[in-house]
Protein backbone atom coordinates (compact mmCIF):
# COMPACT_ATOMS: atom_id res chain seq x y z
CA MET A 1 0.04 -0.23 0.04
CA PHE A 2 2.89 2.27 0.41
CA HIS A 3 5.09 3.46 -1.80
CA THR A 4 8.46 4.22 -0.67
CA GLU A 5 10.51 4.25 -3.89
CA ILE A 6 8.80 7.14 -5.37
CA ASP A 7 10.17 10.85 -4.83
CA LEU A 8 8.00 12.65 -2.37
CA GLY A 9 7.52 15.41 -4.63
CA ASP A 10 6.10 12.81 -7.32
CA GLN A 11 3.72 10.98 -4.97
CA PHE A 12 2.76 14.66 -3.63
CA LYS A 13 1.76 16.02 -7.08
CA ALA A 14 0.36 12.25 -7.44
CA ALA A 15 -1.90 12.80 -4.69
CA PHE A 16 -2.99 15.81 -5.64
CA ARG A 17 -4.25 14.90 -8.85
CA ARG A 18 -6.62 12.62 -7.43
CA TYR A 19 -8.41 15.72 -5.57
CA PRO A 20 -10.60 17.52 -7.51
CA THR A 21 -10.73 20.94 -7.44
CA GLY A 22 -12.11 24.31 -8.41
CA VAL A 23 -10.95 26.57 -11.36
CA ALA A 24 -10.33 30.04 -11.60
CA VAL A 25 -8.76 32.58 -13.59
CA ILE A 26 -7.00 35.32 -11.63
CA THR A 27 -6.45 38.27 -13.67
CA ALA A 28 -4.57 41.63 -12.75
CA THR A 29 -3.12 44.99 -14.85
CA GLY A 30 0.42 44.54 -14.65
CA PRO A 31 3.19 47.03 -16.52
CA ASP A 32 2.90 45.54 -19.55
CA GLY A 33 -0.91 44.99 -19.77
CA PRO A 34 -3.72 42.75 -18.50
CA VAL A 35 -2.39 39.49 -17.34
CA GLY A 36 -3.89 36.33 -15.87
CA LEU A 37 -3.60 32.60 -14.97
CA THR A 38 -5.44 29.45 -14.18
CA ALA A 39 -5.39 28.31 -10.61
CA SER A 40 -7.09 25.56 -8.65
CA SER A 41 -6.08 26.48 -5.32
CA VAL A 42 -8.15 29.24 -4.41
CA ALA A 43 -10.26 28.79 -1.08
CA SER A 44 -12.51 31.06 1.28
CA VAL A 45 -10.61 32.18 4.03
CA SER A 46 -12.78 34.40 6.27
CA VAL A 47 -16.47 35.96 6.12
CA THR A 48 -15.80 38.44 8.63
CA PRO A 49 -13.76 40.00 7.01
CA PRO A 50 -14.38 38.61 3.35
CA ALA A 51 -11.16 36.95 2.46
CA LEU A 52 -9.49 34.14 0.23
CA SER A 53 -6.54 32.38 -0.33
CA PHE A 54 -4.61 31.06 -3.82
CA SER A 55 -1.14 30.25 -4.56
CA VAL A 56 1.23 30.70 -7.59
CA MET A 57 3.89 29.61 -8.98
CA GLY A 58 7.07 32.35 -10.15
CA THR A 59 5.84 32.89 -13.51
CA ARG A 60 5.91 36.25 -15.08
CA SER A 61 2.01 36.55 -14.79
CA ALA A 62 2.05 35.22 -11.06
CA ARG A 63 5.05 37.92 -10.40
CA ALA A 64 2.41 40.56 -11.92
CA ILE A 65 -0.33 39.81 -10.13
CA VAL A 66 1.66 39.58 -7.19
CA GLU A 67 2.73 42.81 -7.50
CA ALA A 68 -0.18 44.20 -8.62
CA PRO A 69 -1.97 46.38 -6.12
CA SER A 70 -5.41 44.55 -6.90
CA PHE A 71 -6.48 41.48 -8.77
CA VAL A 72 -9.73 39.71 -9.41
CA VAL A 73 -10.43 35.86 -8.95
CA ASN A 74 -12.60 34.84 -11.69
CA LEU A 75 -14.78 31.42 -10.47
CA LEU A 76 -15.28 28.99 -14.19
CA GLY A 77 -18.11 27.33 -14.63
CA PRO A 78 -18.79 24.74 -17.24
CA ASP A 79 -18.95 27.08 -20.22
CA HIS A 80 -15.06 28.10 -19.38
CA ALA A 81 -12.96 24.82 -20.04
CA VAL A 82 -11.46 26.02 -23.31
CA LEU A 83 -10.79 29.67 -21.54
CA ALA A 84 -9.11 27.69 -18.37
CA HIS A 85 -6.95 25.67 -20.66
CA ASP A 86 -5.79 29.00 -22.27
CA PHE A 87 -4.47 30.93 -19.07
CA ALA A 88 -3.20 27.33 -18.12
CA ARG A 89 -0.63 27.59 -21.20
CA PRO A 90 1.79 30.14 -21.92
CA GLY A 91 1.03 31.33 -25.83
CA ARG A 92 -2.47 30.77 -26.05
CA PRO A 93 -4.84 33.79 -26.76
CA ARG A 94 -5.57 35.73 -23.60
CA PHE A 95 -8.04 38.51 -23.46
CA THR A 96 -9.39 38.42 -26.16
CA PRO A 97 -13.08 39.70 -27.14
CA GLU A 98 -14.47 36.51 -27.86
CA GLN A 99 -13.64 35.54 -24.43
CA GLY A 100 -16.16 38.01 -22.94
CA TRP A 101 -13.48 40.09 -20.86
CA ASP A 102 -14.26 43.38 -19.71
CA VAL A 103 -12.48 46.06 -17.55
CA LEU A 104 -13.86 47.04 -14.09
CA PRO A 105 -13.70 50.73 -13.40
CA THR A 106 -11.04 50.00 -10.82
CA GLY A 107 -9.14 48.80 -14.03
CA GLU A 108 -8.84 45.03 -13.68
CA PRO A 109 -9.91 42.60 -16.27
CA VAL A 110 -13.21 40.79 -15.48
CA LEU A 111 -14.57 37.81 -16.97
CA ALA A 112 -18.21 39.09 -17.72
CA GLY A 113 -19.55 35.36 -17.70
CA ALA A 114 -17.94 34.19 -14.63
CA LEU A 115 -19.78 32.24 -11.98
CA ALA A 116 -18.60 34.92 -9.94
CA SER A 117 -15.76 37.53 -9.87
CA LEU A 118 -14.23 38.46 -6.47
CA ARG A 119 -12.12 41.63 -6.46
CA GLY A 120 -9.69 41.77 -4.01
CA THR A 121 -6.00 43.18 -2.28
CA PRO A 122 -3.44 41.56 -0.78
CA LEU A 123 -3.46 41.11 3.01
CA HIS A 124 -0.36 38.56 3.21
CA LEU A 125 2.11 37.30 0.83
CA VAL A 126 3.72 33.96 1.96
CA GLY A 127 6.74 32.28 0.29
CA VAL A 128 6.42 28.57 0.68
CA GLY A 129 9.12 26.65 -1.63
CA ASP A 130 8.72 27.51 -5.00
CA ALA A 131 5.76 29.47 -4.67
CA THR A 132 3.64 32.23 -3.04
CA VAL A 133 0.52 32.09 -0.96
CA VAL A 134 -1.74 34.95 -1.08
CA VAL A 135 -4.04 36.11 1.66
CA ALA A 136 -6.54 38.75 -0.04
CA ALA A 137 -8.82 41.13 1.36
CA VAL A 138 -11.85 40.65 -0.70
CA HIS A 139 -13.61 44.42 -1.88
CA GLU A 140 -16.27 43.51 -4.11
CA VAL A 141 -18.25 39.99 -5.21
CA ILE A 142 -20.02 40.19 -8.51
CA LEU A 143 -22.16 37.26 -9.24
CA GLY A 144 -22.47 35.83 -12.42
CA ALA A 145 -25.93 34.43 -14.10
CA GLY A 146 -24.57 30.82 -14.55
CA SER A 147 -24.24 28.09 -12.92
CA GLY A 148 -23.13 24.52 -13.23
CA ARG A 149 -19.36 23.31 -12.70
CA LEU A 150 -15.79 23.08 -14.01
CA VAL A 151 -13.38 21.14 -12.01
CA TYR A 152 -9.89 20.16 -12.22
CA HIS A 153 -8.97 16.54 -11.53
CA ASP A 154 -5.97 14.52 -12.73
CA ARG A 155 -5.02 16.90 -15.46
CA GLU A 156 -8.08 17.45 -17.12
CA PHE A 157 -11.38 19.79 -16.91
CA ILE A 158 -14.44 18.35 -16.47
CA THR A 159 -17.75 20.01 -16.82
CA HIS A 160 -19.71 17.69 -15.24
CA ASP A 161 -20.01 14.56 -13.03
CA THR A 162 -20.92 11.35 -14.91
CA GLU A 163 -22.94 10.17 -11.72
CA GLY A 164 -24.87 13.04 -10.72
CA PRO A 165 -25.01 14.91 -7.15
CA ILE A 166 -25.04 12.91 -3.68
């Protein structure tokens, strides 16, 4: 049952591939324009005051988001699987009119069709290995009209459960 011949890091990644998570695209305005990345690490931290967390690696987009004074966490629904893939890979289309982007009065890119979009500012940045954990105050919540689910599981974006709700 226990596999000791596999590297701990590989075991860690394998464990989390088995754990389904929601999907978000985190966006900000960087020095060279809009930036964004796909994240599956978004979590609610506190209701009073409203706060959330996510973690990012050291990519150019991640650095711009961490350095931005504010950002938007766009929670994705089933119609956004291609968009999630585009923002997860370098060189893919981003912030195109066909993807449905708009800009908030405060300047951040926002996905008009997201299940919800949460505008926040960083409270704490915690370096952990090659990642940065961001704890953010939420200042605005925009609820979208969509419903359904987009889940990241075992390196795939999944839009529905085959067995239905429990």
